[in-house]
């Protein structure tokens, strides 16, 4: 049994039937029990010292400084709204955070997501993903006219009467896979990975976006062959993870290698190696680091090691 991935919904009710109920939404925006999830410059408001998100703000307290709001759903009967505060300057955002609660600040979700309660991490990821989508779909991709928010922030409609195309939040499917060969697993060091402490490099699973007309299994095989020159046979689904950095859905697999010689794509990877399960259990003496704990890559690796 695999763990539930961080940023997944954990039973959160999106209450889609409320999205067209303008009267109910207007009432809930000012209701004292409603919850605001602030987003500023793709950052989330958290109390870092207490390892919790700041989820006790009524939305209307922030609306005069917001670019827009989005209805996320209901939690224990309380309406939850994302509030995009992008118009604020750096100083204004800092002042606002400090005025709302002691120790509150806007943080990159990737830095704090693994420390938060799972439902809170999901809400912050959900809000961040929608804020990113709204920021990049202000204009119609068909005719170039401005778009406006509809259905409580889950649709943007072209304002051109001759067009009126509706645009929906975008999610890009990507496969992420741990390739195995008996007691060994193949991990790569992507050229874009940041350097770790003391120069220790992170090695992670392979991954890539699904192309048009391609099944998930085909995408797994193609990406592995392209990145490391290894062919795979059996492909087994593990789990998925929303990854709003900015707008991906990571779909995790295990793939059994049918060849083992590695030829890396130098445009993608700086290195790739086969590691034994024992090396992965204790990576530091072997000079490498594992991916971050909030990632599905880490879940795939830990799930495999547990079976060895």
C-alpha atoms as a PDB file:
ATOM      1  CA  UNK A   1       0.000   0.000   0.000  1.00  0.00           C
ATOM      2  CA  UNK A   2       1.514   3.335  -1.033  1.00  0.00           C
ATOM      3  CA  UNK A   3       1.185   6.517   0.955  1.00  0.00           C
ATOM      4  CA  UNK A   4      -1.205   9.264  -0.121  1.00  0.00           C
ATOM      5  CA  UNK A   5       0.884  11.812  -1.967  1.00  0.00           C
ATOM      6  CA  UNK A   6       1.310  15.329  -0.625  1.00  0.00           C
ATOM      7  CA  UNK A   7      -0.907  17.925  -2.359  1.00  0.00           C
ATOM      8  CA  UNK A   8      -3.632  15.325  -3.073  1.00  0.00           C
ATOM      9  CA  UNK A   9      -7.186  16.225  -2.046  1.00  0.00           C
ATOM     10  CA  UNK A  10      -7.569  14.071   1.106  1.00  0.00           C
ATOM     11  CA  UNK A  11     -11.359  14.110   0.795  1.00  0.00           C
ATOM     12  CA  UNK A  12     -11.787  17.848   0.282  1.00  0.00           C
ATOM     13  CA  UNK A  13     -15.239  18.660  -1.154  1.00  0.00           C
ATOM     14  CA  UNK A  14     -14.955  20.942  -4.185  1.00  0.00           C
ATOM     15  CA  UNK A  15     -18.739  21.560  -4.050  1.00  0.00           C
ATOM     16  CA  UNK A  16     -18.963  22.079  -7.811  1.00  0.00           C
ATOM     17  CA  UNK A  17     -22.730  22.625  -7.557  1.00  0.00           C
ATOM     18  CA  UNK A  18     -22.039  25.942  -5.815  1.00  0.00           C
ATOM     19  CA  UNK A  19     -19.977  27.479  -8.614  1.00  0.00           C
ATOM     20  CA  UNK A  20     -22.980  28.984 -10.436  1.00  0.00           C
ATOM     21  CA  UNK A  21     -24.882  30.041  -7.322  1.00  0.00           C
ATOM     22  CA  UNK A  22     -24.079  33.755  -7.284  1.00  0.00           C
ATOM     23  CA  UNK A  23     -26.319  34.553  -4.330  1.00  0.00           C
ATOM     24  CA  UNK A  24     -24.780  31.873  -2.125  1.00  0.00           C
ATOM     25  CA  UNK A  25     -21.235  32.833  -3.157  1.00  0.00           C
ATOM     26  CA  UNK A  26     -21.811  36.523  -2.409  1.00  0.00           C
ATOM     27  CA  UNK A  27     -23.163  35.658   1.029  1.00  0.00           C
ATOM     28  CA  UNK A  28     -20.281  33.316   1.795  1.00  0.00           C
ATOM     29  CA  UNK A  29     -17.613  35.802   0.744  1.00  0.00           C
ATOM     30  CA  UNK A  30     -18.571  37.929   3.740  1.00  0.00           C
ATOM     31  CA  UNK A  31     -19.606  35.144   6.094  1.00  0.00           C
ATOM     32  CA  UNK A  32     -17.490  35.017   9.273  1.00  0.00           C
ATOM     33  CA  UNK A  33     -17.058  31.251   9.017  1.00  0.00           C
ATOM     34  CA  UNK A  34     -15.631  31.349   5.484  1.00  0.00           C
ATOM     35  CA  UNK A  35     -11.943  30.744   4.863  1.00  0.00           C
ATOM     36  CA  UNK A  36      -9.532  32.638   2.625  1.00  0.00           C
ATOM     37  CA  UNK A  37      -6.430  31.001   1.132  1.00  0.00           C
ATOM     38  CA  UNK A  38      -4.206  33.927   0.107  1.00  0.00           C
ATOM     39  CA  UNK A  39      -1.801  33.598  -2.819  1.00  0.00           C
ATOM     40  CA  UNK A  40       0.767  36.260  -3.645  1.00  0.00           C
ATOM     41  CA  UNK A  41       3.327  35.998  -6.445  1.00  0.00           C
ATOM     42  CA  UNK A  42       2.853  32.196  -6.489  1.00  0.00           C
ATOM     43  CA  UNK A  43       3.560  32.063  -2.755  1.00  0.00           C
ATOM     44  CA  UNK A  44       1.350  30.840   0.050  1.00  0.00           C
ATOM     45  CA  UNK A  45       0.655  32.406   3.428  1.00  0.00           C
ATOM     46  CA  UNK A  46       1.887  30.180   6.252  1.00  0.00           C
ATOM     47  CA  UNK A  47       3.067  30.274   9.826  1.00  0.00           C
ATOM     48  CA  UNK A  48       6.433  28.612   9.305  1.00  0.00           C
ATOM     49  CA  UNK A  49       7.287  28.281  13.000  1.00  0.00           C
ATOM     50  CA  UNK A  50       4.003  26.516  13.702  1.00  0.00           C
ATOM     51  CA  UNK A  51       4.083  24.457  10.494  1.00  0.00           C
ATOM     52  CA  UNK A  52       0.587  25.394   9.464  1.00  0.00           C
ATOM     53  CA  UNK A  53      -1.189  27.377   6.803  1.00  0.00           C
ATOM     54  CA  UNK A  54      -3.106  30.485   7.741  1.00  0.00           C
ATOM     55  CA  UNK A  55      -6.672  29.311   7.155  1.00  0.00           C
ATOM     56  CA  UNK A  56      -8.735  31.469   9.486  1.00  0.00           C
ATOM     57  CA  UNK A  57      -9.218  34.633   7.442  1.00  0.00           C
ATOM     58  CA  UNK A  58     -12.618  35.775   6.122  1.00  0.00           C
ATOM     59  CA  UNK A  59     -12.244  36.440   2.380  1.00  0.00           C
ATOM     60  CA  UNK A  60     -13.850  39.890   2.403  1.00  0.00           C
ATOM     61  CA  UNK A  61     -11.034  41.174   4.621  1.00  0.00           C
ATOM     62  CA  UNK A  62      -8.709  40.794   1.636  1.00  0.00           C
ATOM     63  CA  UNK A  63     -10.922  41.507  -1.370  1.00  0.00           C
ATOM     64  CA  UNK A  64     -10.116  45.215  -1.586  1.00  0.00           C
ATOM     65  CA  UNK A  65      -6.468  44.292  -2.193  1.00  0.00           C
ATOM     66  CA  UNK A  66      -7.084  41.261  -4.395  1.00  0.00           C
ATOM     67  CA  UNK A  67      -6.963  40.808  -8.132  1.00  0.00           C
ATOM     68  CA  UNK A  68      -9.655  38.153  -7.955  1.00  0.00           C
ATOM     69  CA  UNK A  69     -11.046  35.347  -5.828  1.00  0.00           C
ATOM     70  CA  UNK A  70     -11.851  31.721  -6.670  1.00  0.00           C
ATOM     71  CA  UNK A  71     -14.226  29.400  -4.831  1.00  0.00           C
ATOM     72  CA  UNK A  72     -12.352  26.221  -3.929  1.00  0.00           C
ATOM     73  CA  UNK A  73     -15.037  24.233  -2.101  1.00  0.00           C
ATOM     74  CA  UNK A  74     -16.321  23.482   1.384  1.00  0.00           C
ATOM     75  CA  UNK A  75     -14.550  22.167   4.459  1.00  0.00           C
ATOM     76  CA  UNK A  76     -16.645  21.151   7.465  1.00  0.00           C
ATOM     77  CA  UNK A  77     -19.475  23.312   6.142  1.00  0.00           C
ATOM     78  CA  UNK A  78     -17.238  26.357   5.688  1.00  0.00           C
ATOM     79  CA  UNK A  79     -16.737  27.910   2.253  1.00  0.00           C
ATOM     80  CA  UNK A  80     -13.103  28.115   1.141  1.00  0.00           C
ATOM     81  CA  UNK A  81     -11.884  30.778  -1.289  1.00  0.00           C
ATOM     82  CA  UNK A  82      -8.504  31.421  -2.898  1.00  0.00           C
ATOM     83  CA  UNK A  83      -7.659  35.131  -2.934  1.00  0.00           C
ATOM     84  CA  UNK A  84      -5.002  36.318  -5.404  1.00  0.00           C
ATOM     85  CA  UNK A  85      -3.046  39.239  -3.952  1.00  0.00           C
ATOM     86  CA  UNK A  86      -0.605  39.704  -6.831  1.00  0.00           C
ATOM     87  CA  UNK A  87      -1.199  43.493  -7.069  1.00  0.00           C
ATOM     88  CA  UNK A  88       0.620  43.947  -3.741  1.00  0.00           C
ATOM     89  CA  UNK A  89       4.243  45.079  -3.758  1.00  0.00           C
ATOM     90  CA  UNK A  90       6.883  43.137  -1.828  1.00  0.00           C
ATOM     91  CA  UNK A  91       6.654  45.515   1.124  1.00  0.00           C
ATOM     92  CA  UNK A  92       2.855  45.497   1.082  1.00  0.00           C
ATOM     93  CA  UNK A  93       2.775  41.694   1.065  1.00  0.00           C
ATOM     94  CA  UNK A  94       5.195  41.544   3.984  1.00  0.00           C
ATOM     95  CA  UNK A  95       3.209  44.112   5.952  1.00  0.00           C
ATOM     96  CA  UNK A  96      -0.051  42.289   5.260  1.00  0.00           C
ATOM     97  CA  UNK A  97       1.325  38.933   6.370  1.00  0.00           C
ATOM     98  CA  UNK A  98       2.668  40.363   9.606  1.00  0.00           C
ATOM     99  CA  UNK A  99      -0.584  42.194  10.303  1.00  0.00           C
ATOM    100  CA  UNK A 100      -2.663  39.037   9.916  1.00  0.00           C
ATOM    101  CA  UNK A 101      -0.835  36.800  12.378  1.00  0.00           C
ATOM    102  CA  UNK A 102       2.444  36.632  14.296  1.00  0.00           C
ATOM    103  CA  UNK A 103       5.056  34.766  12.290  1.00  0.00           C
ATOM    104  CA  UNK A 104       3.011  34.680   9.093  1.00  0.00           C
ATOM    105  CA  UNK A 105       4.808  35.086   5.789  1.00  0.00           C
ATOM    106  CA  UNK A 106       4.427  34.251   2.118  1.00  0.00           C
ATOM    107  CA  UNK A 107       6.546  31.204   1.262  1.00  0.00           C
ATOM    108  CA  UNK A 108       7.284  29.010  -1.736  1.00  0.00           C
ATOM    109  CA  UNK A 109       4.985  26.022  -1.228  1.00  0.00           C
ATOM    110  CA  UNK A 110       7.733  23.642  -2.326  1.00  0.00           C
ATOM    111  CA  UNK A 111       9.781  24.684   0.688  1.00  0.00           C
ATOM    112  CA  UNK A 112       7.048  24.165   3.273  1.00  0.00           C
ATOM    113  CA  UNK A 113       4.536  21.740   1.741  1.00  0.00           C
ATOM    114  CA  UNK A 114       5.959  18.635   3.398  1.00  0.00           C
ATOM    115  CA  UNK A 115       5.759  20.259   6.854  1.00  0.00           C
ATOM    116  CA  UNK A 116       2.061  21.160   6.636  1.00  0.00           C
ATOM    117  CA  UNK A 117      -0.979  19.047   7.481  1.00  0.00           C
ATOM    118  CA  UNK A 118      -1.952  17.220   4.298  1.00  0.00           C
ATOM    119  CA  UNK A 119      -5.307  18.938   3.769  1.00  0.00           C
ATOM    120  CA  UNK A 120      -3.729  22.355   4.219  1.00  0.00           C
ATOM    121  CA  UNK A 121      -0.999  21.485   1.716  1.00  0.00           C
ATOM    122  CA  UNK A 122      -3.705  20.456  -0.763  1.00  0.00           C
ATOM    123  CA  UNK A 123      -5.622  23.713  -0.368  1.00  0.00           C
ATOM    124  CA  UNK A 124      -2.486  25.783  -0.889  1.00  0.00           C
ATOM    125  CA  UNK A 125      -1.566  23.773  -3.986  1.00  0.00           C
ATOM    126  CA  UNK A 126      -5.102  24.040  -5.374  1.00  0.00           C
ATOM    127  CA  UNK A 127      -5.128  27.811  -4.829  1.00  0.00           C
ATOM    128  CA  UNK A 128      -1.660  28.261  -6.316  1.00  0.00           C
ATOM    129  CA  UNK A 129      -2.527  26.292  -9.443  1.00  0.00           C
ATOM    130  CA  UNK A 130      -5.650  28.324 -10.144  1.00  0.00           C
ATOM    131  CA  UNK A 131      -3.874  31.623  -9.484  1.00  0.00           C
ATOM    132  CA  UNK A 132      -1.216  30.679 -12.027  1.00  0.00           C
ATOM    133  CA  UNK A 133      -3.847  29.735 -14.609  1.00  0.00           C
ATOM    134  CA  UNK A 134      -5.796  32.970 -14.200  1.00  0.00           C
ATOM    135  CA  UNK A 135      -2.629  35.054 -14.509  1.00  0.00           C
ATOM    136  CA  UNK A 136      -1.781  33.453 -17.849  1.00  0.00           C
ATOM    137  CA  UNK A 137      -5.215  33.327 -19.444  1.00  0.00           C
ATOM    138  CA  UNK A 138      -6.312  36.941 -19.277  1.00  0.00           C
ATOM    139  CA  UNK A 139      -6.709  36.978 -23.053  1.00  0.00           C
ATOM    140  CA  UNK A 140      -8.519  34.617 -25.399  1.00  0.00           C
ATOM    141  CA  UNK A 141      -6.301  32.202 -27.291  1.00  0.00           C
ATOM    142  CA  UNK A 142      -8.759  32.211 -30.206  1.00  0.00           C
ATOM    143  CA  UNK A 143      -9.310  35.920 -30.930  1.00  0.00           C
ATOM    144  CA  UNK A 144      -7.052  37.786 -28.493  1.00  0.00           C
ATOM    145  CA  UNK A 145      -9.830  39.620 -26.649  1.00  0.00           C
ATOM    146  CA  UNK A 146      -9.896  39.908 -22.878  1.00  0.00           C
ATOM    147  CA  UNK A 147     -11.432  37.076 -20.887  1.00  0.00           C
ATOM    148  CA  UNK A 148     -13.505  37.319 -17.718  1.00  0.00           C
ATOM    149  CA  UNK A 149     -13.960  34.964 -14.801  1.00  0.00           C
ATOM    150  CA  UNK A 150     -17.016  32.696 -14.734  1.00  0.00           C
ATOM    151  CA  UNK A 151     -18.280  29.868 -12.509  1.00  0.00           C
ATOM    152  CA  UNK A 152     -16.544  31.152  -9.384  1.00  0.00           C
ATOM    153  CA  UNK A 153     -13.151  31.156 -11.067  1.00  0.00           C
ATOM    154  CA  UNK A 154     -13.195  27.775 -12.801  1.00  0.00           C
ATOM    155  CA  UNK A 155     -13.901  29.134 -16.287  1.00  0.00           C
ATOM    156  CA  UNK A 156     -12.666  32.169 -18.219  1.00  0.00           C
ATOM    157  CA  UNK A 157     -14.932  33.345 -21.044  1.00  0.00           C
ATOM    158  CA  UNK A 158     -13.948  35.532 -23.966  1.00  0.00           C
ATOM    159  CA  UNK A 159     -15.644  38.946 -23.784  1.00  0.00           C
ATOM    160  CA  UNK A 160     -15.829  39.269 -27.580  1.00  0.00           C
ATOM    161  CA  UNK A 161     -19.539  38.711 -28.448  1.00  0.00           C
ATOM    162  CA  UNK A 162     -18.522  37.120 -31.729  1.00  0.00           C
ATOM    163  CA  UNK A 163     -16.272  34.597 -29.978  1.00  0.00           C
ATOM    164  CA  UNK A 164     -17.301  33.839 -26.357  1.00  0.00           C
ATOM    165  CA  UNK A 165     -14.920  30.885 -26.201  1.00  0.00           C
ATOM    166  CA  UNK A 166     -14.750  29.307 -22.756  1.00  0.00           C
ATOM    167  CA  UNK A 167     -11.337  28.406 -21.367  1.00  0.00           C
ATOM    168  CA  UNK A 168     -10.833  25.881 -18.567  1.00  0.00           C
ATOM    169  CA  UNK A 169      -7.969  25.398 -16.109  1.00  0.00           C
ATOM    170  CA  UNK A 170      -5.101  23.581 -17.724  1.00  0.00           C
ATOM    171  CA  UNK A 171      -3.351  20.537 -16.293  1.00  0.00           C
ATOM    172  CA  UNK A 172      -0.408  18.981 -18.138  1.00  0.00           C
ATOM    173  CA  UNK A 173      -0.081  15.187 -17.671  1.00  0.00           C
ATOM    174  CA  UNK A 174       3.456  13.961 -17.096  1.00  0.00           C
ATOM    175  CA  UNK A 175       4.707  10.452 -16.479  1.00  0.00           C
ATOM    176  CA  UNK A 176       7.261   9.878 -13.746  1.00  0.00           C
ATOM    177  CA  UNK A 177       8.790   6.431 -13.440  1.00  0.00           C
ATOM    178  CA  UNK A 178      11.213   4.375 -11.438  1.00  0.00           C
ATOM    179  CA  UNK A 179      12.985   1.968 -13.777  1.00  0.00           C
ATOM    180  CA  UNK A 180      14.087  -1.219 -12.028  1.00  0.00           C
ATOM    181  CA  UNK A 181      16.306  -4.191 -12.804  1.00  0.00           C
ATOM    182  CA  UNK A 182      15.973  -6.726 -10.032  1.00  0.00           C
ATOM    183  CA  UNK A 183      17.615  -5.217  -6.949  1.00  0.00           C
ATOM    184  CA  UNK A 184      18.702  -2.083  -8.796  1.00  0.00           C
ATOM    185  CA  UNK A 185      16.911   1.127  -9.708  1.00  0.00           C
ATOM    186  CA  UNK A 186      17.884   3.695 -12.302  1.00  0.00           C
ATOM    187  CA  UNK A 187      18.121   7.296 -11.120  1.00  0.00           C
ATOM    188  CA  UNK A 188      19.239  10.393 -12.977  1.00  0.00           C
ATOM    189  CA  UNK A 189      20.658  13.809 -12.167  1.00  0.00           C
ATOM    190  CA  UNK A 190      18.857  16.385 -14.273  1.00  0.00           C
ATOM    191  CA  UNK A 191      20.890  19.325 -15.524  1.00  0.00           C
ATOM    192  CA  UNK A 192      18.312  21.688 -14.020  1.00  0.00           C
ATOM    193  CA  UNK A 193      18.541  20.284 -10.486  1.00  0.00           C
ATOM    194  CA  UNK A 194      19.918  22.894  -8.074  1.00  0.00           C
ATOM    195  CA  UNK A 195      23.180  22.049  -6.299  1.00  0.00           C
ATOM    196  CA  UNK A 196      22.753  20.472  -2.907  1.00  0.00           C
ATOM    197  CA  UNK A 197      24.599  21.127   0.356  1.00  0.00           C
ATOM    198  CA  UNK A 198      28.351  20.570   0.062  1.00  0.00           C
ATOM    199  CA  UNK A 199      27.954  19.872  -3.637  1.00  0.00           C
ATOM    200  CA  UNK A 200      26.062  16.600  -3.112  1.00  0.00           C
ATOM    201  CA  UNK A 201      23.947  15.928  -6.198  1.00  0.00           C
ATOM    202  CA  UNK A 202      20.352  14.770  -6.106  1.00  0.00           C
ATOM    203  CA  UNK A 203      19.416  11.719  -8.164  1.00  0.00           C
ATOM    204  CA  UNK A 204      15.758  11.155  -8.942  1.00  0.00           C
ATOM    205  CA  UNK A 205      13.359   9.183 -11.084  1.00  0.00           C
ATOM    206  CA  UNK A 206      12.943   9.949 -14.772  1.00  0.00           C
ATOM    207  CA  UNK A 207       9.973  11.988 -15.963  1.00  0.00           C
ATOM    208  CA  UNK A 208       8.487  13.621 -19.019  1.00  0.00           C
ATOM    209  CA  UNK A 209       5.319  15.078 -20.473  1.00  0.00           C
ATOM    210  CA  UNK A 210       2.781  12.980 -22.359  1.00  0.00           C
ATOM    211  CA  UNK A 211       2.585  13.888 -26.049  1.00  0.00           C
ATOM    212  CA  UNK A 212      -0.604  14.084 -28.167  1.00  0.00           C
ATOM    213  CA  UNK A 213      -1.872  10.706 -29.338  1.00  0.00           C
ATOM    214  CA  UNK A 214       0.245   8.849 -26.786  1.00  0.00           C
ATOM    215  CA  UNK A 215      -0.837   6.453 -24.049  1.00  0.00           C
ATOM    216  CA  UNK A 216       0.694   6.765 -20.604  1.00  0.00           C
ATOM    217  CA  UNK A 217       2.533   3.471 -21.060  1.00  0.00           C
ATOM    218  CA  UNK A 218       3.915   4.646 -24.399  1.00  0.00           C
ATOM    219  CA  UNK A 219       5.084   7.878 -22.784  1.00  0.00           C
ATOM    220  CA  UNK A 220       6.936   5.937 -20.078  1.00  0.00           C
ATOM    221  CA  UNK A 221       8.776   3.808 -22.622  1.00  0.00           C
ATOM    222  CA  UNK A 222       9.599   6.753 -24.892  1.00  0.00           C
ATOM    223  CA  UNK A 223      10.890   9.006 -22.128  1.00  0.00           C
ATOM    224  CA  UNK A 224      13.118   6.297 -20.647  1.00  0.00           C
ATOM    225  CA  UNK A 225      14.562   5.456 -24.054  1.00  0.00           C
ATOM    226  CA  UNK A 226      15.120   9.123 -24.917  1.00  0.00           C
ATOM    227  CA  UNK A 227      16.735  10.085 -21.618  1.00  0.00           C
ATOM    228  CA  UNK A 228      18.912   7.056 -20.820  1.00  0.00           C
ATOM    229  CA  UNK A 229      18.759   4.718 -23.838  1.00  0.00           C
ATOM    230  CA  UNK A 230      17.185   1.900 -21.791  1.00  0.00           C
ATOM    231  CA  UNK A 231      14.238  -0.135 -23.055  1.00  0.00           C
ATOM    232  CA  UNK A 232      11.439  -1.199 -20.710  1.00  0.00           C
ATOM    233  CA  UNK A 233       8.836  -3.954 -20.727  1.00  0.00           C
ATOM    234  CA  UNK A 234       6.176  -4.207 -18.039  1.00  0.00           C
ATOM    235  CA  UNK A 235       4.845  -0.855 -16.821  1.00  0.00           C
ATOM    236  CA  UNK A 236       2.842  -0.742 -13.576  1.00  0.00           C
ATOM    237  CA  UNK A 237       0.850   2.219 -12.243  1.00  0.00           C
ATOM    238  CA  UNK A 238       1.658   3.424  -8.729  1.00  0.00           C
ATOM    239  CA  UNK A 239      -0.194   6.681  -7.975  1.00  0.00           C
ATOM    240  CA  UNK A 240      -0.568  10.279  -9.105  1.00  0.00           C
ATOM    241  CA  UNK A 241       0.171  13.677  -7.619  1.00  0.00           C
ATOM    242  CA  UNK A 242      -1.028  17.185  -8.440  1.00  0.00           C
ATOM    243  CA  UNK A 243       2.076  19.303  -8.961  1.00  0.00           C
ATOM    244  CA  UNK A 244       1.102  22.954  -9.461  1.00  0.00           C
ATOM    245  CA  UNK A 245       4.636  24.131 -10.249  1.00  0.00           C
ATOM    246  CA  UNK A 246       3.156  25.416 -12.372  1.00  0.00           C
ATOM    247  CA  UNK A 247       0.422  23.096 -13.727  1.00  0.00           C
ATOM    248  CA  UNK A 248       1.321  19.407 -13.926  1.00  0.00           C
ATOM    249  CA  UNK A 249      -0.285  16.144 -12.904  1.00  0.00           C
ATOM    250  CA  UNK A 250       2.473  13.657 -12.156  1.00  0.00           C
ATOM    251  CA  UNK A 251       1.427  10.081 -12.966  1.00  0.00           C
ATOM    252  CA  UNK A 252       3.733   7.575 -11.309  1.00  0.00           C
ATOM    253  CA  UNK A 253       4.810   4.177 -12.613  1.00  0.00           C
ATOM    254  CA  UNK A 254       7.266   1.374 -12.071  1.00  0.00           C
ATOM    255  CA  UNK A 255       8.895   0.129 -15.274  1.00  0.00           C
ATOM    256  CA  UNK A 256      10.943  -3.058 -15.659  1.00  0.00           C
ATOM    257  CA  UNK A 257      14.083  -2.653 -17.731  1.00  0.00           C
ATOM    258  CA  UNK A 258      14.712  -5.017 -20.642  1.00  0.00           C
ATOM    259  CA  UNK A 259      18.157  -3.520 -21.307  1.00  0.00           C
ATOM    260  CA  UNK A 260      20.607  -1.963 -18.863  1.00  0.00           C
ATOM    261  CA  UNK A 261      23.292  -0.066 -20.800  1.00  0.00           C
ATOM    262  CA  UNK A 262      22.907   3.662 -20.142  1.00  0.00           C
ATOM    263  CA  UNK A 263      23.338   6.338 -22.810  1.00  0.00           C
ATOM    264  CA  UNK A 264      22.229   9.668 -21.409  1.00  0.00           C
ATOM    265  CA  UNK A 265      20.683  12.526 -23.326  1.00  0.00           C
ATOM    266  CA  UNK A 266      23.127  15.351 -22.490  1.00  0.00           C
ATOM    267  CA  UNK A 267      20.444  17.962 -23.100  1.00  0.00           C
ATOM    268  CA  UNK A 268      18.394  16.514 -20.222  1.00  0.00           C
ATOM    269  CA  UNK A 269      20.706  14.699 -17.827  1.00  0.00           C
ATOM    270  CA  UNK A 270      24.150  15.319 -16.409  1.00  0.00           C
ATOM    271  CA  UNK A 271      24.386  11.754 -15.086  1.00  0.00           C
ATOM    272  CA  UNK A 272      22.378   8.543 -14.654  1.00  0.00           C
ATOM    273  CA  UNK A 273      23.284   5.376 -12.771  1.00  0.00           C
ATOM    274  CA  UNK A 274      21.974   2.100 -11.451  1.00  0.00           C
ATOM    275  CA  UNK A 275      21.757   2.084  -7.651  1.00  0.00           C
ATOM    276  CA  UNK A 276      21.176  -0.893  -5.376  1.00  0.00           C
ATOM    277  CA  UNK A 277      18.417  -0.825  -2.795  1.00  0.00           C
ATOM    278  CA  UNK A 278      21.024  -0.696  -0.014  1.00  0.00           C
ATOM    279  CA  UNK A 279      22.696   2.341  -1.583  1.00  0.00           C
ATOM    280  CA  UNK A 280      19.350   4.102  -1.807  1.00  0.00           C
ATOM    281  CA  UNK A 281      18.527   3.298   1.811  1.00  0.00           C
ATOM    282  CA  UNK A 282      21.709   5.087   2.870  1.00  0.00           C
ATOM    283  CA  UNK A 283      22.631   7.536   0.101  1.00  0.00           C
ATOM    284  CA  UNK A 284      24.933   9.925   1.975  1.00  0.00           C
ATOM    285  CA  UNK A 285      28.023   7.655   2.169  1.00  0.00           C
ATOM    286  CA  UNK A 286      27.607   6.987  -1.548  1.00  0.00           C
ATOM    287  CA  UNK A 287      27.716  10.671  -2.412  1.00  0.00           C
ATOM    288  CA  UNK A 288      24.179  11.396  -3.576  1.00  0.00           C
ATOM    289  CA  UNK A 289      20.856  12.656  -2.238  1.00  0.00           C
ATOM    290  CA  UNK A 290      17.270  11.557  -2.822  1.00  0.00           C
ATOM    291  CA  UNK A 291      14.473  13.811  -4.112  1.00  0.00           C
ATOM    292  CA  UNK A 292      12.465  15.986  -1.759  1.00  0.00           C
ATOM    293  CA  UNK A 293      10.002  14.288   0.559  1.00  0.00           C
ATOM    294  CA  UNK A 294       6.947  16.071  -0.886  1.00  0.00           C
ATOM    295  CA  UNK A 295       7.500  14.564  -4.349  1.00  0.00           C
ATOM    296  CA  UNK A 296       5.979  11.474  -5.911  1.00  0.00           C
ATOM    297  CA  UNK A 297       9.524  10.626  -6.996  1.00  0.00           C
ATOM    298  CA  UNK A 298      10.404  10.035  -3.354  1.00  0.00           C
ATOM    299  CA  UNK A 299       7.235   7.973  -2.864  1.00  0.00           C
ATOM    300  CA  UNK A 300       8.120   5.762  -5.836  1.00  0.00           C
ATOM    301  CA  UNK A 301      11.642   5.212  -4.542  1.00  0.00           C
ATOM    302  CA  UNK A 302      10.601   4.497  -0.961  1.00  0.00           C
ATOM    303  CA  UNK A 303       7.829   2.179  -2.122  1.00  0.00           C
ATOM    304  CA  UNK A 304      10.260   0.126  -4.186  1.00  0.00           C
ATOM    305  CA  UNK A 305      12.954  -0.009  -1.491  1.00  0.00           C
ATOM    306  CA  UNK A 306      10.379  -1.323   0.984  1.00  0.00           C
ATOM    307  CA  UNK A 307       9.854  -4.384  -1.230  1.00  0.00           C
ATOM    308  CA  UNK A 308      13.555  -5.257  -1.540  1.00  0.00           C
END
